[in-house]
Structures are given as structure tokens and as C-alpha cells.
Amino acid sequence: MIRSVLLHLATLATVALVFSSATSVERRKTLPILLDLLHPQTDHLVPRNYVSNRSEALRFRTRVDHFNPQNRDTFEFDYVSNDEFYQPGGPIFIVVGGNTALNGYFIENGLFHEIARREGAWLFSNEHRYYGRSAPVDDYSAPNMRFLTVEQALIDLIEWIDYLRNEVVRDPEAKVILHGLGYGGAVAIWARQRFPNLVDGAWGSTASVIARVNFNEYGEDIGNTIRTFGHDDCYGVIWRGFRTAENLLDAGLYGRISELFRSCEPLQASDPLSVETFFFALKGSFEAEMFGQATYESVTRMCAELEADPADTALEVLANFFERRYADFDCIPYDFESNVASSLYEEVGVPTNAEFGIRQRLYQLCTEFGWFLTSASGDSPFGTRVTYRYFIDTCRAAFGDWITQEIVYEGVRLTNLHYGADDPRVTNVVYVNAEFDPTRLVSITNYTNVLANAFVIDQAVVALDWLPPNDGDPEAIKLIQREIESYINLWVSNGFGPRSD
């Protein structure tokens, strides 16, 4: 989710950069902040402070550690309930919580809500442990982060589903259908995969289900999108600008780059992490601009702006692009220490954790998913200076020296082992991605199981399949929304496949 907030000057972070507001005008006045692949671009249209008017806010108590019988500690997580359409015997529809605070919008609006109306479903949504108010520990110090795993979250979800069936809906045979966006979509699909006796189907929008340490393909795909919706000349300006900056630094002209891009602290050869932070910030600014309006028109406008710039060199074009977006600030903090500061807060209730989950998301990337958006391959327009070591160093700065390259690689390996990566062998699921969203490269876009399907929205930059149907929608979205409803109807009516009771 692309959220509206002006954090601190020290908020350039670790995985990809995005302008932190809901409109392009506001976005240009703010600094880049953390965006990761757990946090989808698809739901940036959702009001952050949405006030539920048809749902009831409740809490569910569960174990802090489901896998240690000697630890009997418990905590409560938030959930919301909406029974406006429920008919006795109807299904349970759950919007699975991801890596943000709970938002009742999703059970009162959107395609899932419309399908619930027709199916007589009772709608629920949960808050994922460690996010929002749902903290299982007193603080988010590094040792206390150990209970933040997908496995723990899945058991939270399944125990809650069992409770909903038996104690709330009071129908132990009620069909259960899950839906989620981004990381929430991955959790929904993994829940169906692991617990087919309790989950009858799952629909994931932009569900990133393939862990990967070095995700350099992200930038490469961004480059292809620039060529598709912009122009080869636009790609060339960005490519030359980044290479010129690299060449100037190789020649020792750090002062020139610091001056052009208004660095608060001069870039220096003795501080390579800050140099990588600079390139990461510049790269992320282009990516954020491209996805700002969730449409290819953002890319077209960006390229038109770059190509119209009268500057003499590509580097100056990039500097002008950056200046227009950060004109309100006296300088930009590229130093590494400032840019990891927003992930160092350990208090549960600070906005960076309670509202945006920055520290928690980073921990999951460092220990389970990777998805480090490098550019070291040289096959993108964004230079070669953002390496996976940059992200390893970020993980170590946030959580300690115990996080090593081996820890990250092992976490990624185990995630793919547990959930099957691109061969999940799961039934009754639907994956939806956008043709020009690079996160599709760590999702499923072609699935041959007859009891599951994967759809890619043609010509789309982000997947908006979850929005309510609209007569003005592109035909590609209308077609996929009809397919989604057809699958859910089959799961509800007969399971569309054997249940593992």
C-alpha cells in the first residue's frame, strides 16, 4: 500500500523507494520511504483512515508461540466482522491481513464485498501479528522479533477460522474463502495449501509467493516498461544519467554529484554505503513515479517530462527530475545511517511500526523473503551500484550482526521449500497479476493445475482486480473479475475439488 505520511528526513529505507502520499501532487513534496514487495501497489486507492460503518471491531486471543508447548504466553489480535449479507448456511469470506494495520475498507467495499452480497457470506478481516495493534511482545527489539514468521501467522489464522466457524457463525461446515493483496494474498494462498480441510479456496491479488535473495529482475522489468510506454529515448536518458554518475564517482568527482543532487552530507569514497544509498534513492524515485497513478499513463508522462528537459546532459536531466520532487527540502539525506533510522525504532506504538510496519516488514525480508532490489546485473537503466551486500548491511544495522548472508539465503530457501515457490501444487486458488507489474516475477502467472488458475491483466501496470466492478473498466479487468467470481461460486457451491477432511 502506498500510504500518506511524512516520516522523518531519515526515512530512505531498504528495499525500494516510493513517494509517500496518495496523490501525485503531495507525492512530489515528500521524501521516498520504504516500499517492499510485501506491501502491494494495488491498494493505494484505499483511504488510510477509513472509518468502518457496517463492521464490528473485535479481538481474538491466541498463543504467542504455537510451536513451543513450554511457552504458554498469549496475545490478542484485532479483527473486524460484517454480517450485513449473511444468510444461514452461507460461507465465511475473509480478507487476510498483511503487513499493514487492519483496515475495515476491504470488507465493506470492493469485488469480494460484491460477491459476498450474492453468496450470502459473512465477511471478516484480521490483523497480522506484529502489525497495527496486534503485538505479541512488549517491544520490537531484535530478540522479540523471533515470533514474526509466516508459520506463526498461519496458525493464528487457522485457529481464528476454527473459532469463527464454531463460535461466531455457529456453522462448523461453513465454507471458508480467503482473499488478500500482496503479502496478505500470499498468506491466503499458503493457508489453502497447508490447511485444505479448513480453507475451501483462496484468491490472491499480486501475491508474492516466490522468495528470492537477489531480485535484480525487478529493475530490468521496469526498464522494459519504460521502453513500452515511454520510448527508447527515455530509457536512454536514464541509462546515460546513471552511468555518467557512476563514471564521475569513479573519477573521484564526489563533490559534483553531491552538489547536483543536494546531498546533506557530501558523498565520499570512504563511505560506500552512502553512495549505494544515493543510487538506490535515485532508482526508487523513478520507480515510484512510474507507479504513482497505477496506470501506464504515469510512465508516459514521466518520459515526456524527461525528454522535454532542455538540460545539456542526461545527468543534469536526472538531477532536474530529482529537484522537482524534492524542492521543498533544503537537502536530501543520502547517508546510510539516516536512511536506516526509520527501521530502528523498537517501540510498538510509534507510527513507523504501528501504522506502516517498517521494522517488521524489513525483518521478514531479512529472514524469510529477500526480494532485494539490486541493480548490479547492469541489465537495467539504473546503473550497477546497488548490490545485495547493501541490503545485508541494512539488515545487520537494524537487527544485529547475527544476520549474515547465510541467514538470509537459508530463510529464502526454507520459504520456497515450505510453500513450493513456482510449483506450489495447490488447488482451489486464483492468482492475479498485472502484465507490467514487476512483482509478477515472484508470483504465479501461468498455472496448469485444473483446479487452480493464474490470470495476468493485459496492459495493466498494477492489478486492480479487487476493486468493485465498473462499467468503465477495461475489458481485461472485467473478464478476470468474472472468472474470479465464477471460481468463488464453485468453491462455495461444491468445493470445485476434493477436500482433505
Protein backbone atom coordinates (compact mmCIF):
# COMPACT_ATOMS: atom_id res chain seq x y z
CA MET A 1 0.00 0.00 0.00
CA ILE A 2 1.28 3.42 -0.82
CA ARG A 3 0.37 5.45 2.22
CA SER A 4 0.31 9.14 3.05
CA VAL A 5 2.88 10.16 5.64
CA LEU A 6 5.84 12.42 6.05
CA LEU A 7 8.06 10.37 8.30
CA HIS A 8 11.38 11.93 9.22
CA LEU A 9 14.14 13.07 6.95
CA ALA A 10 15.75 9.78 7.86
CA THR A 11 13.30 7.54 6.04
CA LEU A 12 15.04 6.36 2.92
CA ALA A 13 14.98 2.63 3.52
CA THR A 14 15.95 -0.69 2.21
CA VAL A 15 14.00 -2.43 -0.46
CA ALA A 16 12.56 0.05 -2.93
CA LEU A 17 11.60 3.68 -2.70
CA VAL A 18 8.24 5.22 -3.23
CA PHE A 19 6.83 8.67 -2.68
CA SER A 20 4.71 8.50 0.42
CA SER A 21 1.37 10.03 -0.40
CA ALA A 22 -1.87 9.22 -2.13
CA THR A 23 -1.77 11.92 -4.82
CA SER A 24 0.87 12.89 -7.30
CA VAL A 25 0.86 16.50 -6.09
CA GLU A 26 1.52 15.50 -2.48
CA ARG A 27 3.94 12.79 -3.58
CA ARG A 28 6.28 15.34 -5.12
CA LYS A 29 6.58 17.17 -1.79
CA THR A 30 7.75 14.20 0.24
CA LEU A 31 10.83 12.10 0.58
CA PRO A 32 11.00 8.48 -0.57
CA ILE A 33 10.17 5.91 2.07
CA LEU A 34 10.16 2.14 2.32
CA LEU A 35 8.25 0.09 -0.19
CA ASP A 36 8.69 -3.64 -0.27
CA LEU A 37 7.12 -6.48 -2.16
CA LEU A 38 5.10 -7.48 0.87
CA HIS A 39 3.35 -4.15 0.51
CA PRO A 40 1.44 -4.07 -2.78
CA GLN A 41 0.97 -1.09 -5.04
CA THR A 42 -2.53 -2.31 -5.93
CA ASP A 43 -4.39 -0.85 -2.94
CA HIS A 44 -3.00 2.68 -2.93
CA LEU A 45 -6.56 3.89 -3.60
CA VAL A 46 -7.72 2.72 -0.16
CA PRO A 47 -8.28 5.54 2.37
CA ARG A 48 -5.72 5.10 5.13
CA ASN A 49 -8.05 6.45 7.82
CA TYR A 50 -11.16 4.69 6.55
CA VAL A 51 -13.93 4.61 9.16
CA SER A 52 -15.98 1.41 9.18
CA ASN A 53 -19.72 2.00 9.33
CA ARG A 54 -21.06 -1.52 8.93
CA SER A 55 -18.46 -3.61 10.74
CA GLU A 56 -17.82 -4.56 14.34
CA ALA A 57 -14.28 -4.36 15.77
CA LEU A 58 -13.31 -7.36 17.91
CA ARG A 59 -10.24 -9.20 19.24
CA PHE A 60 -9.11 -12.84 19.28
CA ARG A 61 -6.69 -14.35 21.78
CA THR A 62 -4.11 -16.89 20.68
CA ARG A 63 -0.65 -18.19 21.56
CA VAL A 64 2.48 -16.11 21.16
CA ASP A 65 4.46 -19.22 20.14
CA HIS A 66 2.42 -22.02 18.62
CA PHE A 67 5.40 -24.35 18.37
CA ASN A 68 6.75 -24.32 21.91
CA PRO A 69 4.49 -26.14 24.41
CA GLN A 70 6.51 -24.67 27.28
CA ASN A 71 5.61 -21.13 26.28
CA ARG A 72 2.02 -20.51 27.37
CA ASP A 73 2.02 -16.76 26.72
CA THR A 74 -0.92 -15.36 24.75
CA PHE A 75 -1.83 -12.14 22.98
CA GLU A 76 -4.80 -10.67 21.15
CA PHE A 77 -5.05 -9.59 17.54
CA ASP A 78 -7.69 -7.30 16.06
CA TYR A 79 -10.33 -8.35 13.60
CA VAL A 80 -13.49 -6.89 12.08
CA SER A 81 -16.81 -8.56 11.31
CA ASN A 82 -19.52 -7.61 8.82
CA ASP A 83 -22.66 -9.76 8.64
CA GLU A 84 -24.79 -7.40 6.50
CA PHE A 85 -25.27 -10.04 3.79
CA TYR A 86 -25.11 -13.21 5.83
CA GLN A 87 -27.73 -15.88 5.29
CA PRO A 88 -27.78 -19.03 7.44
CA GLY A 89 -25.74 -21.70 5.70
CA GLY A 90 -23.75 -19.08 3.80
CA PRO A 91 -19.94 -19.05 3.56
CA ILE A 92 -17.30 -17.17 5.52
CA PHE A 93 -15.33 -14.65 3.45
CA ILE A 94 -12.04 -13.46 4.96
CA VAL A 95 -9.77 -10.68 3.77
CA VAL A 96 -6.45 -11.92 5.14
CA GLY A 97 -4.32 -9.38 6.95
CA GLY A 98 -0.93 -8.49 5.53
CA ASN A 99 1.87 -6.21 6.59
CA THR A 100 -0.19 -3.15 7.48
CA ALA A 101 -2.61 -2.11 10.17
CA LEU A 102 -6.14 -3.52 9.89
CA ASN A 103 -8.44 -1.54 7.59
CA GLY A 104 -12.16 -2.27 7.51
CA TYR A 105 -12.43 -0.90 3.98
CA PHE A 106 -11.89 -4.32 2.45
CA ILE A 107 -14.96 -5.96 3.97
CA GLU A 108 -17.22 -3.03 3.11
CA ASN A 109 -16.08 -2.28 -0.43
CA GLY A 110 -14.68 -3.98 -3.50
CA LEU A 111 -15.29 -7.08 -5.59
CA PHE A 112 -15.11 -9.51 -2.65
CA HIS A 113 -17.79 -7.47 -0.89
CA GLU A 114 -19.99 -7.60 -4.00
CA ILE A 115 -19.56 -11.37 -4.30
CA ALA A 116 -20.43 -11.72 -0.61
CA ARG A 117 -23.72 -9.96 -1.31
CA ARG A 118 -24.65 -12.58 -3.90
CA GLU A 119 -23.38 -15.54 -1.87
CA GLY A 120 -24.92 -14.55 1.47
CA ALA A 121 -21.46 -14.54 3.07
CA TRP A 122 -20.29 -13.25 6.45
CA LEU A 123 -17.25 -11.03 5.94
CA PHE A 124 -14.25 -10.83 8.25
CA SER A 125 -10.73 -9.42 8.18
CA ASN A 126 -7.86 -10.00 10.60
CA GLU A 127 -4.76 -8.07 11.57
CA HIS A 128 -1.49 -9.95 11.11
CA ARG A 129 0.61 -10.44 14.25
CA TYR A 130 3.15 -7.64 14.86
CA TYR A 131 1.24 -5.15 12.71
CA GLY A 132 -1.10 -2.41 13.87
CA ARG A 133 -2.16 -3.06 17.48
CA SER A 134 -1.62 -6.81 17.30
CA ALA A 135 1.69 -7.09 19.11
CA PRO A 136 2.56 -10.42 20.79
CA VAL A 137 5.53 -8.84 22.61
CA ASP A 138 6.24 -5.70 24.63
CA ASP A 139 8.66 -4.20 22.14
CA TYR A 140 10.24 -4.93 18.78
CA SER A 141 13.80 -5.44 19.91
CA ALA A 142 15.69 -7.93 17.79
CA PRO A 143 15.19 -10.89 20.19
CA ASN A 144 11.45 -10.16 20.35
CA MET A 145 11.09 -10.37 16.57
CA ARG A 146 11.55 -14.16 16.65
CA PHE A 147 7.81 -14.83 16.70
CA LEU A 148 7.29 -12.97 13.42
CA THR A 149 7.15 -15.78 10.87
CA VAL A 150 4.70 -16.92 8.24
CA GLU A 151 4.29 -20.23 10.07
CA GLN A 152 3.17 -18.48 13.27
CA ALA A 153 0.81 -16.22 11.33
CA LEU A 154 -0.76 -19.18 9.54
CA ILE A 155 -1.61 -20.87 12.84
CA ASP A 156 -3.09 -17.59 14.13
CA LEU A 157 -5.30 -17.52 11.04
CA ILE A 158 -6.37 -21.15 11.21
CA GLU A 159 -7.21 -21.09 14.92
CA TRP A 160 -9.26 -17.96 14.35
CA ILE A 161 -11.09 -19.55 11.40
CA ASP A 162 -12.00 -22.52 13.59
CA TYR A 163 -13.30 -20.09 16.24
CA LEU A 164 -15.34 -18.16 13.68
CA ARG A 165 -16.96 -21.30 12.37
CA ASN A 166 -17.89 -22.71 15.74
CA GLU A 167 -18.42 -19.70 17.99
CA VAL A 168 -19.38 -16.76 15.77
CA VAL A 169 -21.13 -18.05 12.65
CA ARG A 170 -22.04 -21.24 14.55
CA ASP A 171 -21.79 -23.39 11.46
CA PRO A 172 -18.91 -25.89 11.66
CA GLU A 173 -19.48 -26.80 7.99
CA ALA A 174 -19.42 -23.26 6.63
CA LYS A 175 -17.27 -22.89 3.54
CA VAL A 176 -14.29 -20.57 4.03
CA ILE A 177 -12.95 -18.40 1.20
CA LEU A 178 -9.86 -16.25 1.64
CA HIS A 179 -8.73 -13.17 -0.25
CA GLY A 180 -5.68 -10.96 0.16
CA LEU A 181 -3.47 -8.40 -1.55
CA GLY A 182 0.30 -8.62 -1.75
CA TYR A 183 1.69 -10.43 1.28
CA GLY A 184 -1.86 -10.94 2.55
CA GLY A 185 -2.65 -12.72 -0.72
CA ALA A 186 0.37 -14.97 -0.28
CA VAL A 187 -0.73 -15.88 3.26
CA ALA A 188 -4.23 -16.63 1.96
CA ILE A 189 -2.92 -18.98 -0.71
CA TRP A 190 -0.46 -20.64 1.67
CA ALA A 191 -3.32 -21.21 4.16
CA ARG A 192 -5.31 -23.05 1.48
CA GLN A 193 -2.21 -25.03 0.56
CA ARG A 194 -1.44 -26.08 4.14
CA PHE A 195 -4.98 -26.42 5.54
CA PRO A 196 -7.35 -27.56 2.77
CA ASN A 197 -9.59 -29.11 5.43
CA LEU A 198 -10.43 -25.62 6.74
CA VAL A 199 -9.95 -23.36 3.72
CA ASP A 200 -12.08 -24.04 0.64
CA GLY A 201 -10.49 -21.54 -1.71
CA ALA A 202 -8.18 -18.54 -1.89
CA TRP A 203 -7.79 -15.59 -4.24
CA GLY A 204 -4.53 -13.66 -4.15
CA SER A 205 -4.04 -10.30 -5.87
CA THR A 206 -0.35 -9.61 -6.56
CA ALA A 207 0.57 -12.44 -4.21
CA SER A 208 4.37 -12.67 -3.98
CA VAL A 209 4.89 -16.35 -3.24
CA ILE A 210 8.43 -16.95 -4.55
CA ALA A 211 11.22 -15.83 -2.21
CA ARG A 212 14.41 -14.60 -3.86
CA VAL A 213 17.54 -13.03 -2.41
CA ASN A 214 18.77 -11.04 -5.39
CA PHE A 215 15.78 -9.65 -7.27
CA ASN A 216 17.62 -7.70 -9.96
CA GLU A 217 14.90 -8.68 -12.48
CA TYR A 218 12.67 -6.06 -10.88
CA GLY A 219 14.74 -3.18 -12.25
CA GLU A 220 15.23 -4.91 -15.58
CA ASP A 221 11.47 -5.25 -15.98
CA ILE A 222 10.98 -1.61 -15.01
CA GLY A 223 13.33 -0.77 -17.88
CA ASN A 224 11.23 -2.79 -20.32
CA THR A 225 8.12 -0.95 -19.13
CA ILE A 226 9.82 2.38 -19.76
CA ARG A 227 10.54 1.28 -23.32
CA THR A 228 6.99 0.02 -23.81
CA PHE A 229 5.01 3.01 -22.53
CA GLY A 230 7.68 5.67 -22.88
CA HIS A 231 10.32 5.46 -25.56
CA ASP A 232 13.80 4.11 -26.19
CA ASP A 233 14.99 7.70 -25.89
CA CYS A 234 13.54 7.89 -22.38
CA TYR A 235 15.30 4.66 -21.42
CA GLY A 236 18.49 6.05 -22.89
CA VAL A 237 18.34 9.27 -20.87
CA ILE A 238 18.02 7.32 -17.62
CA TRP A 239 20.70 4.80 -18.64
CA ARG A 240 23.19 7.54 -19.58
CA GLY A 241 22.41 9.58 -16.49
CA PHE A 242 23.13 6.71 -14.12
CA ARG A 243 26.30 5.67 -15.97
CA THR A 244 27.55 9.25 -16.01
CA ALA A 245 27.05 9.49 -12.25
CA GLU A 246 28.99 6.24 -11.81
CA ASN A 247 31.80 7.47 -14.04
CA LEU A 248 32.09 10.76 -12.17
CA LEU A 249 32.34 8.93 -8.85
CA ASP A 250 34.94 6.57 -10.32
CA ALA A 251 36.90 9.65 -11.30
CA GLY A 252 36.70 10.94 -7.74
CA LEU A 253 34.27 13.79 -8.53
CA TYR A 254 32.08 13.18 -5.49
CA GLY A 255 31.57 16.89 -4.95
CA ARG A 256 29.92 17.30 -8.35
CA ILE A 257 27.32 14.60 -7.62
CA SER A 258 26.72 15.92 -4.09
CA GLU A 259 26.10 19.40 -5.48
CA LEU A 260 23.83 18.34 -8.34
CA PHE A 261 21.62 16.20 -6.10
CA ARG A 262 21.79 18.43 -2.99
CA SER A 263 23.19 15.87 -0.59
CA CYS A 264 23.01 16.91 3.08
CA GLU A 265 26.37 15.23 3.68
CA PRO A 266 28.93 15.11 0.86
CA LEU A 267 29.27 11.70 -0.76
CA GLN A 268 32.72 10.25 -0.16
CA ALA A 269 34.76 7.31 -1.38
CA SER A 270 35.29 6.29 2.25
CA ASP A 271 31.52 5.77 2.71
CA PRO A 272 30.42 3.28 0.01
CA LEU A 273 27.13 2.52 1.77
CA SER A 274 26.02 6.12 1.41
CA VAL A 275 26.98 6.01 -2.26
CA GLU A 276 24.75 2.95 -2.69
CA THR A 277 22.01 4.75 -0.78
CA PHE A 278 22.22 7.61 -3.26
CA PHE A 279 21.83 5.31 -6.27
CA PHE A 280 19.06 3.40 -4.54
CA ALA A 281 17.19 6.65 -3.81
CA LEU A 282 17.50 7.84 -7.39
CA LYS A 283 16.42 4.47 -8.77
CA GLY A 284 13.46 4.30 -6.38
CA SER A 285 12.29 7.78 -7.32
CA PHE A 286 11.81 6.73 -10.93
CA GLU A 287 10.03 3.54 -9.92
CA ALA A 288 7.70 5.46 -7.60
CA GLU A 289 6.86 7.98 -10.30
CA MET A 290 6.02 5.17 -12.72
CA PHE A 291 3.58 3.52 -10.33
CA GLY A 292 2.21 6.74 -8.86
CA GLN A 293 -1.17 6.63 -10.58
CA ALA A 294 -1.44 2.85 -11.02
CA THR A 295 -1.62 3.30 -14.79
CA TYR A 296 0.76 3.29 -17.73
CA GLU A 297 -0.02 6.99 -18.21
CA SER A 298 2.30 7.72 -15.29
CA VAL A 299 5.15 6.19 -17.29
CA THR A 300 4.21 8.13 -20.42
CA ARG A 301 4.10 11.43 -18.52
CA MET A 302 7.41 10.76 -16.78
CA CYS A 303 9.14 10.04 -20.06
CA ALA A 304 7.62 13.10 -21.71
CA GLU A 305 8.97 15.18 -18.84
CA LEU A 306 12.46 13.72 -19.14
CA GLU A 307 12.61 14.05 -22.91
CA ALA A 308 11.41 17.65 -22.80
CA ASP A 309 14.09 18.72 -20.33
CA PRO A 310 16.45 21.21 -22.08
CA ALA A 311 19.48 20.29 -19.93
CA ASP A 312 22.72 19.63 -21.80
CA THR A 313 23.45 16.20 -20.27
CA ALA A 314 21.47 13.17 -19.18
CA LEU A 315 22.89 13.53 -15.67
CA GLU A 316 21.50 17.06 -15.43
CA VAL A 317 18.12 15.78 -16.63
CA LEU A 318 18.12 13.30 -13.77
CA ALA A 319 19.17 16.00 -11.31
CA ASN A 320 16.36 18.25 -12.51
CA PHE A 321 13.88 15.39 -12.18
CA PHE A 322 15.01 14.81 -8.60
CA GLU A 323 14.97 18.54 -7.81
CA ARG A 324 11.36 18.97 -8.90
CA ARG A 325 10.30 16.29 -6.48
CA TYR A 326 12.34 17.44 -3.50
CA ALA A 327 12.29 21.20 -4.00
CA ASP A 328 10.66 21.72 -0.61
CA PHE A 329 13.70 20.33 1.21
CA ASP A 330 16.93 22.16 1.86
CA CYS A 331 18.91 18.99 1.21
CA ILE A 332 18.45 15.25 0.81
CA PRO A 333 19.98 12.83 3.38
CA TYR A 334 21.73 10.08 1.45
CA ASP A 335 23.91 8.96 4.35
CA PHE A 336 23.32 5.32 5.22
CA GLU A 337 22.79 5.93 8.93
CA SER A 338 19.93 8.36 8.37
CA ASN A 339 18.30 6.08 5.89
CA VAL A 340 18.06 3.06 8.17
CA ALA A 341 16.87 5.15 11.12
CA SER A 342 13.15 4.58 10.45
CA SER A 343 13.65 0.82 10.85
CA LEU A 344 15.44 1.10 14.20
CA TYR A 345 12.51 2.15 16.40
CA GLU A 346 11.66 -0.68 18.80
CA GLU A 347 8.55 0.81 20.40
CA VAL A 348 5.34 -0.96 19.34
CA GLY A 349 3.23 2.19 19.11
CA VAL A 350 5.43 4.52 17.08
CA PRO A 351 3.87 5.37 13.68
CA THR A 352 6.68 3.75 11.69
CA ASN A 353 5.73 0.44 13.33
CA ALA A 354 2.04 0.71 14.26
CA GLU A 355 0.88 2.36 11.04
CA PHE A 356 3.46 1.38 8.45
CA GLY A 357 5.20 -1.70 9.82
CA ILE A 358 8.60 -0.63 8.53
CA ARG A 359 10.72 -2.53 11.05
CA GLN A 360 8.50 -5.60 10.89
CA ARG A 361 8.49 -5.74 7.09
CA LEU A 362 12.25 -5.38 6.98
CA TYR A 363 12.63 -8.25 9.44
CA GLN A 364 10.54 -10.53 7.25
CA LEU A 365 12.60 -9.61 4.20
CA CYS A 366 15.84 -10.29 6.05
CA THR A 367 14.75 -13.64 7.49
CA GLU A 368 12.22 -15.17 5.07
CA PHE A 369 11.81 -13.47 1.70
CA GLY A 370 14.82 -11.48 0.50
CA TRP A 371 13.48 -9.65 -2.58
CA PHE A 372 16.44 -7.29 -2.53
CA LEU A 373 16.01 -4.89 -5.43
CA THR A 374 19.56 -4.78 -6.72
CA SER A 375 20.88 -3.29 -9.95
CA ALA A 376 24.27 -4.99 -10.05
CA SER A 377 23.50 -7.04 -13.16
CA GLY A 378 23.81 -3.98 -15.38
CA ASP A 379 20.77 -5.06 -17.39
CA SER A 380 18.54 -2.23 -16.18
CA PRO A 381 18.77 1.51 -16.87
CA PHE A 382 19.59 2.13 -13.20
CA GLY A 383 23.32 1.52 -13.20
CA THR A 384 25.23 -1.20 -11.36
CA ARG A 385 25.90 0.17 -7.88
CA VAL A 386 23.04 -1.26 -5.78
CA THR A 387 24.28 -4.69 -4.63
CA TYR A 388 22.82 -7.35 -2.40
CA ARG A 389 25.53 -6.54 0.17
CA TYR A 390 23.80 -3.19 0.65
CA PHE A 391 20.69 -4.97 1.85
CA ILE A 392 22.62 -7.41 4.02
CA ASP A 393 24.28 -4.44 5.70
CA THR A 394 20.87 -2.83 6.18
CA CYS A 395 19.56 -5.99 7.86
CA ARG A 396 22.60 -6.08 10.14
CA ALA A 397 22.25 -2.41 11.02
CA ALA A 398 18.61 -2.92 12.02
CA PHE A 399 18.80 -6.26 13.82
CA GLY A 400 22.41 -7.07 14.60
CA ASP A 401 25.44 -8.87 13.26
CA TRP A 402 23.77 -12.26 13.67
CA ILE A 403 22.10 -11.62 10.29
CA THR A 404 24.59 -12.87 7.75
CA GLN A 405 24.43 -13.77 4.10
CA GLU A 406 23.94 -17.38 5.16
CA ILE A 407 20.96 -16.46 7.37
CA VAL A 408 19.25 -14.63 4.51
CA TYR A 409 19.87 -17.38 1.97
CA GLU A 410 18.68 -20.06 4.38
CA GLY A 411 15.49 -18.14 5.13
CA VAL A 412 14.73 -17.77 1.43
CA ARG A 413 15.49 -21.44 0.78
CA LEU A 414 13.17 -22.60 3.57
CA THR A 415 10.33 -20.32 2.46
CA ASN A 416 10.46 -21.77 -1.04
CA LEU A 417 10.81 -25.31 0.35
CA HIS A 418 7.80 -24.94 2.65
CA TYR A 419 5.45 -23.39 0.09
CA GLY A 420 6.67 -24.73 -3.23
CA ALA A 421 7.76 -21.46 -4.86
CA ASP A 422 6.71 -21.70 -8.54
CA ASP A 423 5.45 -25.28 -8.10
CA PRO A 424 3.02 -24.99 -5.15
CA ARG A 425 0.79 -27.94 -6.15
CA VAL A 426 -2.26 -26.31 -4.60
CA THR A 427 -5.89 -26.49 -5.67
CA ASN A 428 -8.78 -24.03 -5.43
CA VAL A 429 -6.66 -20.90 -5.75
CA VAL A 430 -6.58 -17.97 -8.15
CA TYR A 431 -3.52 -15.78 -8.69
CA VAL A 432 -3.98 -12.37 -10.32
CA ASN A 433 -1.15 -10.11 -11.51
CA ALA A 434 -0.66 -7.18 -13.86
CA GLU A 435 1.27 -7.54 -17.10
CA PHE A 436 3.67 -4.69 -16.32
CA ASP A 437 4.00 -5.07 -12.55
CA PRO A 438 7.48 -6.49 -11.87
CA THR A 439 6.27 -8.21 -8.70
CA ARG A 440 4.57 -10.74 -11.00
CA LEU A 441 8.06 -12.23 -11.43
CA VAL A 442 7.86 -13.55 -7.86
CA SER A 443 4.24 -14.63 -8.19
CA ILE A 444 2.50 -17.28 -10.28
CA THR A 445 1.43 -16.15 -13.75
CA ASN A 446 0.98 -19.49 -15.51
CA TYR A 447 -0.55 -22.36 -13.56
CA THR A 448 -1.60 -25.61 -15.18
CA ASN A 449 -3.45 -27.27 -12.30
CA VAL A 450 -7.03 -27.77 -13.47
CA LEU A 451 -8.36 -26.85 -10.02
CA ALA A 452 -6.49 -23.53 -9.88
CA ASN A 453 -5.71 -20.71 -12.25
CA ALA A 454 -3.45 -17.73 -12.78
CA PHE A 455 -4.52 -14.57 -14.60
CA VAL A 456 -2.49 -11.65 -15.89
CA ILE A 457 -4.31 -8.39 -16.61
CA ASP A 458 -3.27 -7.24 -20.08
CA GLN A 459 -1.70 -3.78 -20.38
CA ALA A 460 -2.04 -3.15 -16.64
CA VAL A 461 0.72 -1.64 -14.50
CA VAL A 462 -0.85 -2.78 -11.23
CA ALA A 463 -3.58 -5.34 -10.53
CA LEU A 464 -6.88 -3.68 -9.62
CA ASP A 465 -8.98 -6.81 -9.82
CA TRP A 466 -10.15 -6.32 -6.22
CA LEU A 467 -12.00 -3.06 -6.95
CA PRO A 468 -15.79 -3.14 -7.39
CA PRO A 469 -16.87 -3.78 -10.99
CA ASN A 470 -17.41 -0.64 -13.03
CA ASP A 471 -18.92 -0.25 -16.48
CA GLY A 472 -15.95 1.87 -17.50
CA ASP A 473 -13.35 -0.74 -16.59
CA PRO A 474 -11.12 -2.18 -19.33
CA GLU A 475 -12.45 -5.39 -20.77
CA ALA A 476 -9.35 -7.24 -19.50
CA ILE A 477 -10.31 -6.49 -15.89
CA LYS A 478 -13.98 -7.28 -16.46
CA LEU A 479 -13.09 -10.69 -17.89
CA ILE A 480 -10.83 -11.62 -14.97
CA GLN A 481 -13.34 -10.38 -12.39
CA ARG A 482 -15.95 -12.65 -13.94
CA GLU A 483 -13.51 -15.55 -13.74
CA ILE A 484 -12.80 -14.79 -10.07
CA GLU A 485 -16.48 -14.77 -9.22
CA SER A 486 -17.00 -17.99 -11.14
CA TYR A 487 -14.28 -19.75 -9.17
CA ILE A 488 -15.56 -18.48 -5.82
CA ASN A 489 -19.08 -19.57 -6.72
CA LEU A 490 -17.79 -23.08 -7.49
CA TRP A 491 -15.77 -23.25 -4.26
CA VAL A 492 -18.81 -22.22 -2.27
CA SER A 493 -21.29 -24.47 -4.04
CA ASN A 494 -19.33 -27.71 -4.29
CA GLY A 495 -15.70 -27.08 -3.39
CA PHE A 496 -14.50 -27.46 -7.00
CA GLY A 497 -12.14 -30.17 -5.94
CA PRO A 498 -11.70 -32.70 -3.18
CA ARG A 499 -11.45 -31.53 0.41
CA SER A 500 -8.84 -33.17 2.59
CA ASP A 501 -11.07 -33.98 5.56
